[in-house]
């Protein structure tokens, strides 16, 4: 999604059949570059991590990664998740791990190196 934002392309175009590989084709055609889908996705991940680093520098932390109180306190009445609440702490731990971030939501140096942001 960071690449959609960077290229100023509406995310709803996904519903019209535009897929990431189309964006790569468009970008290569317009810029005369020759990047592939893997590099395109890595650029998006680099942007996402840069945004997080900026937010961390501005004081954003794990406490700010939350859901609306209604979702954390009101159980649903039917369906497979009836009478349950999300375990936000566990969900954040898993999300941060998948992102390559610390338990506090800060990108790890290994992740920064992976997306060419190691300084």
C-alpha atoms as a PDB file:
ATOM      1  CA  UNK A   1       0.000   0.000   0.000  1.00  0.00           C
ATOM      2  CA  UNK A   2       2.945   2.346   0.529  1.00  0.00           C
ATOM      3  CA  UNK A   3       3.711   2.052  -3.166  1.00  0.00           C
ATOM      4  CA  UNK A   4       0.115   2.908  -4.090  1.00  0.00           C
ATOM      5  CA  UNK A   5       0.470   6.014  -1.904  1.00  0.00           C
ATOM      6  CA  UNK A   6       3.882   6.917  -3.332  1.00  0.00           C
ATOM      7  CA  UNK A   7       2.704   6.541  -6.908  1.00  0.00           C
ATOM      8  CA  UNK A   8      -0.515   8.445  -6.130  1.00  0.00           C
ATOM      9  CA  UNK A   9      -2.673   5.549  -7.287  1.00  0.00           C
ATOM     10  CA  UNK A  10      -6.036   4.963  -5.672  1.00  0.00           C
ATOM     11  CA  UNK A  11      -6.087   1.801  -3.573  1.00  0.00           C
ATOM     12  CA  UNK A  12      -9.589   1.086  -4.831  1.00  0.00           C
ATOM     13  CA  UNK A  13      -8.069   0.364  -8.245  1.00  0.00           C
ATOM     14  CA  UNK A  14      -7.295  -3.067  -6.754  1.00  0.00           C
ATOM     15  CA  UNK A  15     -11.007  -3.775  -7.101  1.00  0.00           C
ATOM     16  CA  UNK A  16     -10.746  -2.821 -10.771  1.00  0.00           C
ATOM     17  CA  UNK A  17      -8.132  -5.466 -11.448  1.00  0.00           C
ATOM     18  CA  UNK A  18      -4.927  -3.451 -10.956  1.00  0.00           C
ATOM     19  CA  UNK A  19      -2.385  -5.689  -9.246  1.00  0.00           C
ATOM     20  CA  UNK A  20       1.133  -4.955  -7.977  1.00  0.00           C
ATOM     21  CA  UNK A  21       2.731  -6.442 -11.098  1.00  0.00           C
ATOM     22  CA  UNK A  22       0.759  -3.912 -13.169  1.00  0.00           C
ATOM     23  CA  UNK A  23       2.196  -1.094 -11.077  1.00  0.00           C
ATOM     24  CA  UNK A  24       5.692  -2.426 -11.736  1.00  0.00           C
ATOM     25  CA  UNK A  25       4.979  -2.395 -15.471  1.00  0.00           C
ATOM     26  CA  UNK A  26       3.570   1.152 -15.304  1.00  0.00           C
ATOM     27  CA  UNK A  27       6.503   2.402 -13.227  1.00  0.00           C
ATOM     28  CA  UNK A  28       9.089   0.807 -15.508  1.00  0.00           C
ATOM     29  CA  UNK A  29       7.382   2.211 -18.592  1.00  0.00           C
ATOM     30  CA  UNK A  30       7.081   5.750 -17.247  1.00  0.00           C
ATOM     31  CA  UNK A  31      10.555   5.976 -15.677  1.00  0.00           C
ATOM     32  CA  UNK A  32      12.474   3.698 -18.065  1.00  0.00           C
ATOM     33  CA  UNK A  33      13.597   1.722 -15.032  1.00  0.00           C
ATOM     34  CA  UNK A  34      13.908  -2.034 -14.936  1.00  0.00           C
ATOM     35  CA  UNK A  35      12.795  -3.133 -11.481  1.00  0.00           C
ATOM     36  CA  UNK A  36      11.033  -6.389 -10.749  1.00  0.00           C
ATOM     37  CA  UNK A  37       8.153  -7.148  -8.410  1.00  0.00           C
ATOM     38  CA  UNK A  38      10.470  -8.235  -5.597  1.00  0.00           C
ATOM     39  CA  UNK A  39      12.371  -4.940  -5.655  1.00  0.00           C
ATOM     40  CA  UNK A  40       9.105  -3.008  -5.956  1.00  0.00           C
ATOM     41  CA  UNK A  41       7.748  -4.714  -2.846  1.00  0.00           C
ATOM     42  CA  UNK A  42      11.012  -4.102  -0.997  1.00  0.00           C
ATOM     43  CA  UNK A  43      10.752  -0.384  -1.756  1.00  0.00           C
ATOM     44  CA  UNK A  44       7.256  -0.418  -0.250  1.00  0.00           C
ATOM     45  CA  UNK A  45       8.539  -2.193   2.842  1.00  0.00           C
ATOM     46  CA  UNK A  46      11.407   0.298   3.092  1.00  0.00           C
ATOM     47  CA  UNK A  47       8.908   3.176   3.025  1.00  0.00           C
ATOM     48  CA  UNK A  48       6.756   1.486   5.680  1.00  0.00           C
ATOM     49  CA  UNK A  49       9.752   1.058   7.979  1.00  0.00           C
ATOM     50  CA  UNK A  50      10.916   4.634   7.374  1.00  0.00           C
ATOM     51  CA  UNK A  51       7.473   5.863   8.371  1.00  0.00           C
ATOM     52  CA  UNK A  52       7.643   3.776  11.537  1.00  0.00           C
ATOM     53  CA  UNK A  53      11.133   5.067  12.380  1.00  0.00           C
ATOM     54  CA  UNK A  54       9.896   8.630  11.953  1.00  0.00           C
ATOM     55  CA  UNK A  55       6.878   7.945  14.166  1.00  0.00           C
ATOM     56  CA  UNK A  56       9.086   6.333  16.831  1.00  0.00           C
ATOM     57  CA  UNK A  57      11.296   9.410  16.772  1.00  0.00           C
ATOM     58  CA  UNK A  58       8.151  11.527  17.302  1.00  0.00           C
ATOM     59  CA  UNK A  59       7.223   9.451  20.376  1.00  0.00           C
ATOM     60  CA  UNK A  60       4.842   6.875  18.886  1.00  0.00           C
ATOM     61  CA  UNK A  61       5.168   3.530  20.661  1.00  0.00           C
ATOM     62  CA  UNK A  62       3.366   0.293  21.354  1.00  0.00           C
ATOM     63  CA  UNK A  63       0.828   2.117  23.538  1.00  0.00           C
ATOM     64  CA  UNK A  64      -0.376   3.949  20.427  1.00  0.00           C
ATOM     65  CA  UNK A  65      -0.903   0.744  18.416  1.00  0.00           C
ATOM     66  CA  UNK A  66      -4.372   0.005  19.631  1.00  0.00           C
ATOM     67  CA  UNK A  67      -7.928  -0.576  18.504  1.00  0.00           C
ATOM     68  CA  UNK A  68     -11.030   1.481  19.272  1.00  0.00           C
ATOM     69  CA  UNK A  69     -12.229   0.776  22.835  1.00  0.00           C
ATOM     70  CA  UNK A  70     -15.496  -0.665  21.533  1.00  0.00           C
ATOM     71  CA  UNK A  71     -13.612  -3.487  19.785  1.00  0.00           C
ATOM     72  CA  UNK A  72     -11.660  -4.260  22.940  1.00  0.00           C
ATOM     73  CA  UNK A  73     -14.585  -4.274  25.365  1.00  0.00           C
ATOM     74  CA  UNK A  74     -17.798  -5.342  23.594  1.00  0.00           C
ATOM     75  CA  UNK A  75     -18.089  -8.994  22.654  1.00  0.00           C
ATOM     76  CA  UNK A  76     -19.797 -10.016  19.455  1.00  0.00           C
ATOM     77  CA  UNK A  77     -23.053 -11.879  19.819  1.00  0.00           C
ATOM     78  CA  UNK A  78     -22.800 -14.408  17.002  1.00  0.00           C
ATOM     79  CA  UNK A  79     -20.433 -16.106  14.613  1.00  0.00           C
ATOM     80  CA  UNK A  80     -17.193 -17.969  15.234  1.00  0.00           C
ATOM     81  CA  UNK A  81     -15.842 -15.151  17.388  1.00  0.00           C
ATOM     82  CA  UNK A  82     -18.994 -14.762  19.470  1.00  0.00           C
ATOM     83  CA  UNK A  83     -18.427 -13.774  23.084  1.00  0.00           C
ATOM     84  CA  UNK A  84     -14.701 -13.238  22.584  1.00  0.00           C
ATOM     85  CA  UNK A  85     -12.466 -10.210  22.579  1.00  0.00           C
ATOM     86  CA  UNK A  86      -9.250  -9.734  20.609  1.00  0.00           C
ATOM     87  CA  UNK A  87      -6.049 -10.354  22.556  1.00  0.00           C
ATOM     88  CA  UNK A  88      -4.374  -7.158  21.425  1.00  0.00           C
ATOM     89  CA  UNK A  89      -1.102  -7.819  23.240  1.00  0.00           C
ATOM     90  CA  UNK A  90      -0.641 -11.183  21.541  1.00  0.00           C
ATOM     91  CA  UNK A  91      -1.727  -9.763  18.207  1.00  0.00           C
ATOM     92  CA  UNK A  92       0.813  -6.934  18.453  1.00  0.00           C
ATOM     93  CA  UNK A  93       3.582  -9.363  19.429  1.00  0.00           C
ATOM     94  CA  UNK A  94       2.833 -11.472  16.366  1.00  0.00           C
ATOM     95  CA  UNK A  95       2.516  -8.442  14.077  1.00  0.00           C
ATOM     96  CA  UNK A  96       5.784  -6.915  15.292  1.00  0.00           C
ATOM     97  CA  UNK A  97       7.553 -10.237  14.853  1.00  0.00           C
ATOM     98  CA  UNK A  98       6.253 -10.568  11.279  1.00  0.00           C
ATOM     99  CA  UNK A  99       7.374  -6.999  10.542  1.00  0.00           C
ATOM    100  CA  UNK A 100      10.836  -7.590  11.992  1.00  0.00           C
ATOM    101  CA  UNK A 101      10.312  -5.126  14.830  1.00  0.00           C
ATOM    102  CA  UNK A 102      11.109  -5.279  18.540  1.00  0.00           C
ATOM    103  CA  UNK A 103       8.418  -5.965  21.141  1.00  0.00           C
ATOM    104  CA  UNK A 104       8.143  -2.183  21.484  1.00  0.00           C
ATOM    105  CA  UNK A 105       7.384  -1.758  17.781  1.00  0.00           C
ATOM    106  CA  UNK A 106      10.785  -0.446  16.738  1.00  0.00           C
ATOM    107  CA  UNK A 107      12.298  -1.840  13.518  1.00  0.00           C
ATOM    108  CA  UNK A 108      15.228  -4.106  14.365  1.00  0.00           C
ATOM    109  CA  UNK A 109      18.638  -3.455  12.841  1.00  0.00           C
ATOM    110  CA  UNK A 110      18.344  -6.762  10.967  1.00  0.00           C
ATOM    111  CA  UNK A 111      15.113  -5.521   9.325  1.00  0.00           C
ATOM    112  CA  UNK A 112      16.700  -2.177   8.474  1.00  0.00           C
ATOM    113  CA  UNK A 113      19.617  -3.962   6.871  1.00  0.00           C
ATOM    114  CA  UNK A 114      17.229  -6.231   4.931  1.00  0.00           C
ATOM    115  CA  UNK A 115      15.463  -3.215   3.382  1.00  0.00           C
ATOM    116  CA  UNK A 116      18.713  -1.266   2.797  1.00  0.00           C
ATOM    117  CA  UNK A 117      18.184   1.239   5.599  1.00  0.00           C
ATOM    118  CA  UNK A 118      21.127   0.239   7.779  1.00  0.00           C
ATOM    119  CA  UNK A 119      23.118   3.280   8.715  1.00  0.00           C
END
